[in-house]
Amino acid sequence: MQNKLKKTYKFAFKTSLYITFFLTLLSSVFLYLLHSIDTLYLISFALFTYVLSFIVIQYRVERFIYRRVKKIYDDLTLLESTSLRKQPITTDMATLTEEIDKYARDKKLEIETLKVREEYRKEFLGNVSHELKTPLFTVQGYLLTLLDGAIDDKNVSEKYLNRASKGLERLIYIVKDLDMITKLEVGDLRLDIETFDIVELVESVFELLEMKAAKKKISLMFDIDYNEPILVSADKDRIQQVLSNLIVNSIKYGKEKGTTEISIENLIKNKVIVRVTDNGEGISQINIPRLFERFFRVDKSGSRKEGGSGLGLSIVKHIIEAHDEKIYVESEVGVGSEFSFTLEKAK
């Protein structure tokens, strides 16, 4: 505050000095012409002029600047009610300029963020409509065919009804995943933390996906024999969902007669890291940053054929982050991929 006052006083001091010098000089010339120069009078006149000028200029300058600066504050606070009113209004131009520059930078950043969100929203809506319309049109096509008379043919009607049922199952699958990810994002999904054996959980997921892996002759295995249980503290059902999604992806994009390997290692004193490694197609480095986005697919055509909601990895990321843990990806095209995530050891 002192610096601001000094700048204002400095202006008033110099201006008063100039006015005093000019008026005193003018008075001296006037008295000289009248042949009645009085030194004491001139000194008194100079002091009086200086003090009066200083007071008037200081007061008027403060008021003049304050009113205009306040108008700038008022105009800006119409746009943003919290950015500038947190601090008292200053008449210092340097401080005001700094605040305006900061305000402009914040607004620019906010606008850029809104643009990114708008692009993301458009892309998300486009992806949702694309994912939903495929099964919807499929179901609609089969039902219209049945209504046009195919229902009278028992073999055709049964086949078409089965296909329509699969289309509806896919719709339900997508909607359930959307509901799940929405709850995760807004924090409505509550975690039921418990202690369980992660090795046993992986084995149960292997059993569930054994048939799916067998269709592509992919072997599901551990990296070593885990003879002792490894106890972790987490939501067992959600971690099972994470493992299922990661292993299903490794099968989906794995090569025939390939492998999906699980390893569980100590990371630090109270953490373990679970790795899901395959020797499948791999992922290019350019696509890795977007892997966990909703509906993002590396291979559009291949993913359509393989099915899925396009939300699996996004759900995985949200579940792991809901546990305050981390998930990592390493991949090389033609070599394979490794997804890993951390979990807290049971105490």
Protein backbone atom coordinates (compact mmCIF):
# COMPACT_ATOMS: atom_id res chain seq x y z
CA MET A 1 0.00 0.00 0.00
CA GLN A 2 2.93 2.33 0.77
CA ASN A 3 4.32 1.92 -2.73
CA LYS A 4 0.94 2.90 -4.21
CA LEU A 5 0.74 6.03 -2.04
CA LYS A 6 4.31 7.05 -2.85
CA LYS A 7 3.60 6.88 -6.56
CA THR A 8 0.53 9.07 -6.16
CA TYR A 9 2.34 11.57 -3.90
CA LYS A 10 5.27 11.68 -6.29
CA PHE A 11 2.98 12.81 -9.10
CA ALA A 12 1.35 15.47 -6.86
CA PHE A 13 4.73 16.58 -5.53
CA LYS A 14 6.23 17.16 -9.00
CA THR A 15 3.11 18.78 -10.43
CA SER A 16 2.76 21.14 -7.42
CA LEU A 17 6.43 22.04 -7.76
CA TYR A 18 5.98 22.99 -11.40
CA ILE A 19 2.87 25.07 -10.65
CA THR A 20 4.57 26.80 -7.70
CA PHE A 21 7.68 27.58 -9.74
CA PHE A 22 5.61 28.97 -12.62
CA LEU A 23 3.32 31.13 -10.42
CA THR A 24 6.18 32.40 -8.24
CA LEU A 25 8.17 33.32 -11.35
CA LEU A 26 5.11 35.07 -12.77
CA SER A 27 4.56 36.96 -9.49
CA SER A 28 8.25 37.96 -9.38
CA VAL A 29 8.04 39.41 -12.87
CA PHE A 30 4.81 41.21 -11.99
CA LEU A 31 6.32 42.71 -8.77
CA TYR A 32 9.51 43.57 -10.59
CA LEU A 33 7.52 45.59 -13.10
CA LEU A 34 5.81 47.37 -10.20
CA HIS A 35 9.23 48.01 -8.56
CA SER A 36 8.03 46.46 -5.30
CA ILE A 37 9.67 43.02 -4.97
CA ASP A 38 9.17 41.56 -1.47
CA THR A 39 11.24 38.45 -0.79
CA LEU A 40 9.21 37.35 2.26
CA TYR A 41 6.04 37.76 0.28
CA LEU A 42 7.39 35.62 -2.57
CA ILE A 43 8.50 32.84 -0.16
CA SER A 44 5.12 32.86 1.59
CA PHE A 45 3.32 32.89 -1.76
CA ALA A 46 5.44 29.97 -3.01
CA LEU A 47 4.79 27.89 0.13
CA PHE A 48 1.06 28.62 0.11
CA THR A 49 0.81 27.86 -3.62
CA TYR A 50 2.75 24.64 -3.23
CA VAL A 51 0.70 23.31 -0.28
CA LEU A 52 -2.61 24.27 -1.89
CA SER A 53 -1.61 22.77 -5.25
CA PHE A 54 -0.38 19.58 -3.62
CA ILE A 55 -3.62 19.05 -1.67
CA VAL A 56 -5.90 19.86 -4.60
CA ILE A 57 -3.93 17.79 -7.11
CA GLN A 58 -3.49 14.81 -4.78
CA TYR A 59 -7.18 14.75 -3.91
CA ARG A 60 -8.41 15.35 -7.45
CA VAL A 61 -6.01 12.85 -9.03
CA GLU A 62 -7.00 10.16 -6.51
CA ARG A 63 -10.69 10.80 -7.14
CA PHE A 64 -10.25 11.05 -10.90
CA ILE A 65 -8.31 7.78 -11.17
CA TYR A 66 -10.46 6.01 -8.59
CA ARG A 67 -13.70 6.75 -10.43
CA ARG A 68 -12.34 5.51 -13.74
CA VAL A 69 -10.66 2.46 -12.26
CA LYS A 70 -13.82 1.63 -10.34
CA LYS A 71 -15.75 1.74 -13.61
CA ILE A 72 -13.27 -0.71 -15.12
CA TYR A 73 -13.70 -3.00 -12.09
CA ASP A 74 -17.47 -2.73 -12.31
CA ASP A 75 -17.48 -3.52 -16.04
CA LEU A 76 -15.26 -6.54 -15.53
CA THR A 77 -17.12 -7.84 -12.52
CA LEU A 78 -20.29 -7.94 -14.60
CA LEU A 79 -18.54 -10.79 -16.43
CA GLU A 80 -16.88 -12.38 -13.43
CA SER A 81 -18.24 -11.59 -9.99
CA THR A 82 -15.41 -13.19 -8.02
CA SER A 83 -12.19 -12.43 -9.87
CA LEU A 84 -11.57 -8.77 -9.00
CA ARG A 85 -13.70 -7.96 -5.96
CA LYS A 86 -11.61 -10.13 -3.69
CA GLN A 87 -9.07 -7.30 -3.44
CA PRO A 88 -9.62 -3.60 -2.66
CA ILE A 89 -9.76 -1.28 -5.66
CA THR A 90 -6.37 0.25 -6.33
CA THR A 91 -5.52 3.48 -8.14
CA ASP A 92 -2.05 2.20 -9.03
CA MET A 93 -1.89 1.67 -12.80
CA ALA A 94 0.81 -1.01 -12.64
CA THR A 95 -1.21 -3.09 -10.20
CA LEU A 96 -4.39 -2.58 -12.20
CA THR A 97 -2.63 -3.57 -15.43
CA GLU A 98 -1.29 -6.71 -13.75
CA GLU A 99 -4.76 -7.64 -12.51
CA ILE A 100 -6.33 -7.04 -15.93
CA ASP A 101 -3.62 -9.15 -17.61
CA LYS A 102 -4.21 -11.95 -15.13
CA TYR A 103 -7.96 -11.69 -15.69
CA ALA A 104 -7.43 -11.86 -19.47
CA ARG A 105 -5.16 -14.91 -19.16
CA ASP A 106 -7.67 -16.68 -16.92
CA LYS A 107 -10.49 -15.93 -19.37
CA LYS A 108 -8.40 -17.17 -22.29
CA LEU A 109 -7.63 -20.40 -20.45
CA GLU A 110 -11.29 -20.79 -19.52
CA ILE A 111 -12.37 -20.29 -23.14
CA GLU A 112 -9.81 -22.83 -24.37
CA THR A 113 -11.01 -25.32 -21.75
CA LEU A 114 -14.61 -24.79 -22.81
CA LYS A 115 -13.64 -25.37 -26.44
CA VAL A 116 -11.93 -28.64 -25.53
CA ARG A 117 -14.97 -29.72 -23.51
CA GLU A 118 -17.28 -28.80 -26.37
CA GLU A 119 -15.22 -30.88 -28.80
CA TYR A 120 -15.23 -33.74 -26.32
CA ARG A 121 -19.00 -33.42 -25.85
CA LYS A 122 -19.61 -33.50 -29.61
CA GLU A 123 -17.34 -36.51 -30.00
CA PHE A 124 -18.97 -38.26 -27.05
CA LEU A 125 -22.51 -37.69 -28.38
CA GLY A 126 -21.43 -38.87 -31.82
CA ASN A 127 -19.91 -42.02 -30.34
CA VAL A 128 -22.96 -42.73 -28.17
CA SER A 129 -25.32 -42.37 -31.12
CA HIS A 130 -23.08 -44.57 -33.25
CA GLU A 131 -22.84 -47.28 -30.58
CA LEU A 132 -26.58 -47.27 -29.93
CA LYS A 133 -27.88 -47.02 -33.47
CA THR A 134 -26.09 -50.18 -34.68
CA PRO A 135 -27.92 -52.61 -32.36
CA LEU A 136 -31.10 -50.53 -32.56
CA PHE A 137 -31.23 -50.71 -36.35
CA THR A 138 -30.34 -54.41 -36.19
CA VAL A 139 -33.23 -55.16 -33.84
CA GLN A 140 -35.55 -52.95 -35.85
CA GLY A 141 -34.60 -54.71 -39.09
CA TYR A 142 -35.27 -58.18 -37.72
CA LEU A 143 -38.59 -57.14 -36.13
CA LEU A 144 -39.80 -55.45 -39.31
CA THR A 145 -38.90 -58.55 -41.31
CA LEU A 146 -40.91 -60.68 -38.88
CA LEU A 147 -43.87 -58.30 -39.07
CA ASP A 148 -43.76 -58.44 -42.86
CA GLY A 149 -44.56 -62.17 -42.74
CA ALA A 150 -41.37 -63.97 -41.78
CA ILE A 151 -42.92 -64.76 -38.38
CA ASP A 152 -45.02 -67.48 -40.06
CA ASP A 153 -41.85 -69.41 -40.91
CA LYS A 154 -40.85 -71.05 -37.64
CA ASN A 155 -37.16 -71.50 -38.51
CA VAL A 156 -36.73 -67.96 -39.81
CA SER A 157 -38.70 -66.40 -36.95
CA GLU A 158 -36.69 -68.26 -34.32
CA LYS A 159 -33.38 -67.24 -35.94
CA TYR A 160 -34.42 -63.60 -36.26
CA LEU A 161 -35.77 -63.43 -32.72
CA ASN A 162 -32.48 -64.81 -31.40
CA ARG A 163 -30.55 -62.17 -33.35
CA ALA A 164 -32.90 -59.43 -32.13
CA SER A 165 -32.37 -60.69 -28.58
CA LYS A 166 -28.59 -60.42 -29.00
CA GLY A 167 -29.02 -56.87 -30.28
CA LEU A 168 -31.05 -56.00 -27.19
CA GLU A 169 -28.44 -57.62 -24.95
CA ARG A 170 -25.80 -55.38 -26.52
CA LEU A 171 -28.00 -52.32 -25.93
CA ILE A 172 -28.49 -53.29 -22.29
CA TYR A 173 -24.73 -53.87 -21.96
CA ILE A 174 -23.94 -50.40 -23.31
CA VAL A 175 -26.58 -48.70 -21.13
CA LYS A 176 -25.36 -50.52 -17.99
CA ASP A 177 -21.78 -49.48 -18.71
CA LEU A 178 -22.88 -45.88 -19.29
CA ASP A 179 -24.74 -45.93 -15.98
CA MET A 180 -21.68 -47.40 -14.26
CA ILE A 181 -19.24 -44.82 -15.64
CA THR A 182 -21.63 -41.95 -14.84
CA LYS A 183 -21.82 -43.08 -11.21
CA LEU A 184 -18.06 -43.43 -11.05
CA GLU A 185 -17.49 -39.94 -12.48
CA VAL A 186 -19.91 -38.18 -10.12
CA GLY A 187 -18.79 -40.25 -7.13
CA ASP A 188 -22.16 -41.93 -6.54
CA LEU A 189 -20.73 -45.46 -6.66
CA ARG A 190 -19.71 -46.53 -3.17
CA LEU A 191 -16.80 -48.91 -2.74
CA ASP A 192 -17.13 -51.87 -0.39
CA ILE A 193 -13.54 -52.24 0.83
CA GLU A 194 -12.62 -55.70 2.08
CA THR A 195 -9.60 -57.98 2.41
CA PHE A 196 -9.28 -60.77 -0.18
CA ASP A 197 -6.73 -62.91 -1.98
CA ILE A 198 -5.91 -61.35 -5.35
CA VAL A 199 -4.45 -64.65 -6.64
CA GLU A 200 -7.73 -66.44 -5.96
CA LEU A 201 -9.67 -63.64 -7.66
CA VAL A 202 -7.51 -63.88 -10.80
CA GLU A 203 -8.05 -67.64 -10.90
CA SER A 204 -11.84 -67.14 -10.72
CA VAL A 205 -11.68 -64.64 -13.61
CA PHE A 206 -9.61 -67.17 -15.62
CA GLU A 207 -12.34 -69.74 -15.08
CA LEU A 208 -15.06 -67.32 -16.22
CA LEU A 209 -13.17 -66.42 -19.41
CA GLU A 210 -11.74 -69.85 -20.17
CA MET A 211 -14.24 -70.59 -22.95
CA LYS A 212 -13.75 -67.17 -24.54
CA ALA A 213 -9.99 -67.63 -24.56
CA ALA A 214 -10.30 -71.17 -25.93
CA LYS A 215 -12.07 -69.88 -29.08
CA LYS A 216 -8.84 -68.09 -30.07
CA LYS A 217 -6.62 -70.76 -28.46
CA ILE A 218 -5.21 -68.15 -26.08
CA SER A 219 -3.64 -69.44 -22.87
CA LEU A 220 -4.52 -67.69 -19.60
CA MET A 221 -1.66 -68.09 -17.11
CA PHE A 222 0.31 -66.70 -14.19
CA ASP A 223 3.96 -65.78 -14.65
CA ILE A 224 4.90 -68.06 -11.73
CA ASP A 225 3.16 -70.40 -9.29
CA TYR A 226 1.67 -68.36 -6.44
CA ASN A 227 1.49 -70.91 -3.63
CA GLU A 228 0.80 -68.35 -0.92
CA PRO A 229 -2.20 -65.96 -0.89
CA ILE A 230 -1.54 -62.29 -1.57
CA LEU A 231 -4.00 -60.28 0.48
CA VAL A 232 -5.08 -56.87 -0.70
CA SER A 233 -7.58 -54.29 0.55
CA ALA A 234 -10.08 -53.13 -2.10
CA ASP A 235 -13.62 -53.58 -3.46
CA LYS A 236 -13.48 -57.20 -4.60
CA ASP A 237 -16.34 -56.97 -7.13
CA ARG A 238 -14.91 -53.84 -8.75
CA ILE A 239 -11.39 -55.30 -8.98
CA GLN A 240 -12.90 -58.43 -10.53
CA GLN A 241 -14.54 -56.14 -13.09
CA VAL A 242 -11.16 -54.48 -13.75
CA LEU A 243 -9.43 -57.84 -14.26
CA SER A 244 -12.28 -59.12 -16.46
CA ASN A 245 -12.18 -56.04 -18.70
CA LEU A 246 -8.40 -56.13 -19.07
CA ILE A 247 -8.27 -59.87 -19.76
CA VAL A 248 -11.21 -59.69 -22.20
CA ASN A 249 -9.36 -56.95 -24.08
CA SER A 250 -6.19 -59.02 -24.19
CA ILE A 251 -8.20 -61.92 -25.65
CA LYS A 252 -10.11 -59.67 -28.05
CA TYR A 253 -6.96 -58.13 -29.52
CA GLY A 254 -4.63 -61.05 -28.88
CA LYS A 255 -3.26 -63.21 -31.65
CA GLU A 256 -4.44 -66.80 -32.12
CA LYS A 257 -2.51 -69.31 -29.98
CA GLY A 258 -1.17 -66.38 -27.97
CA THR A 259 -0.93 -65.87 -24.22
CA THR A 260 -2.36 -63.60 -21.55
CA GLU A 261 -0.13 -63.57 -18.49
CA ILE A 262 -0.85 -62.20 -15.03
CA SER A 263 1.90 -61.26 -12.60
CA ILE A 264 1.57 -59.86 -9.08
CA GLU A 265 4.61 -58.10 -7.63
CA ASN A 266 5.51 -56.10 -4.57
CA LEU A 267 5.85 -52.46 -5.56
CA ILE A 268 6.60 -50.72 -2.27
CA LYS A 269 6.07 -51.66 1.36
CA ASN A 270 2.28 -51.34 1.31
CA LYS A 271 1.53 -51.75 -2.42
CA VAL A 272 1.38 -54.52 -4.99
CA ILE A 273 1.21 -54.11 -8.76
CA VAL A 274 -0.89 -56.42 -10.92
CA ARG A 275 0.26 -56.78 -14.54
CA VAL A 276 -1.84 -58.11 -17.43
CA THR A 277 0.49 -58.87 -20.34
CA ASP A 278 -0.32 -60.24 -23.79
CA ASN A 279 1.55 -60.85 -27.04
CA GLY A 280 -1.21 -59.53 -29.28
CA GLU A 281 -1.54 -56.71 -31.80
CA GLY A 282 -0.10 -54.00 -29.56
CA ILE A 283 -1.05 -50.31 -29.56
CA SER A 284 0.72 -47.47 -31.33
CA GLN A 285 2.18 -44.76 -29.10
CA ILE A 286 -0.06 -42.12 -30.67
CA ASN A 287 -3.18 -43.92 -29.41
CA ILE A 288 -2.04 -44.69 -25.86
CA PRO A 289 -2.95 -41.25 -24.37
CA ARG A 290 -6.58 -41.71 -25.54
CA LEU A 291 -7.04 -45.35 -24.52
CA PHE A 292 -9.10 -44.55 -21.44
CA GLU A 293 -11.48 -42.15 -23.16
CA ARG A 294 -15.09 -43.24 -23.44
CA PHE A 295 -15.85 -45.02 -26.73
CA PHE A 296 -12.33 -44.58 -28.05
CA ARG A 297 -11.29 -47.53 -30.17
CA VAL A 298 -7.88 -48.15 -31.70
CA ASP A 299 -9.28 -50.25 -34.54
CA LYS A 300 -12.80 -49.11 -35.38
CA SER A 301 -13.74 -51.92 -37.73
CA GLY A 302 -12.13 -54.65 -35.66
CA SER A 303 -13.72 -53.47 -32.48
CA ARG A 304 -17.17 -53.45 -34.04
CA LYS A 305 -16.75 -57.07 -35.06
CA GLU A 306 -15.48 -58.03 -31.63
CA GLY A 307 -18.32 -56.20 -29.89
CA GLY A 308 -18.10 -54.52 -26.49
CA SER A 309 -19.47 -51.20 -25.30
CA GLY A 310 -16.31 -49.17 -25.88
CA LEU A 311 -16.41 -48.16 -22.20
CA GLY A 312 -14.39 -51.00 -20.65
CA LEU A 313 -11.05 -49.24 -20.25
CA SER A 314 -12.69 -46.01 -19.16
CA ILE A 315 -14.53 -47.92 -16.42
CA VAL A 316 -11.27 -49.65 -15.43
CA LYS A 317 -9.51 -46.29 -15.04
CA HIS A 318 -12.33 -44.81 -12.95
CA ILE A 319 -12.50 -47.86 -10.66
CA ILE A 320 -8.75 -47.82 -10.04
CA GLU A 321 -8.74 -44.06 -9.43
CA ALA A 322 -11.72 -44.43 -7.07
CA HIS A 323 -9.39 -46.64 -4.99
CA ASP A 324 -6.77 -43.82 -5.10
CA GLU A 325 -4.52 -46.11 -7.12
CA LYS A 326 -2.73 -45.82 -10.48
CA ILE A 327 -3.04 -47.63 -13.81
CA TYR A 328 -0.27 -47.83 -16.41
CA VAL A 329 0.03 -48.91 -20.05
CA GLU A 330 3.01 -50.09 -22.04
CA SER A 331 2.63 -51.35 -25.58
CA GLU A 332 4.42 -51.90 -28.86
CA VAL A 333 2.76 -52.63 -32.17
CA GLY A 334 3.25 -56.25 -33.20
CA VAL A 335 4.77 -57.19 -29.83
CA GLY A 336 1.93 -56.86 -27.33
CA SER A 337 0.59 -54.78 -24.46
CA GLU A 338 0.88 -54.61 -20.71
CA PHE A 339 -1.75 -52.99 -18.48
CA SER A 340 -0.82 -52.72 -14.81
CA PHE A 341 -2.46 -51.26 -11.74
CA THR A 342 -1.59 -50.87 -8.09
CA LEU A 343 -3.50 -52.09 -5.04
CA GLU A 344 -3.01 -51.61 -1.33
CA LYS A 345 -1.82 -54.59 0.68
CA ALA A 346 -4.06 -55.73 3.50
CA LYS A 347 -2.74 -54.70 6.91
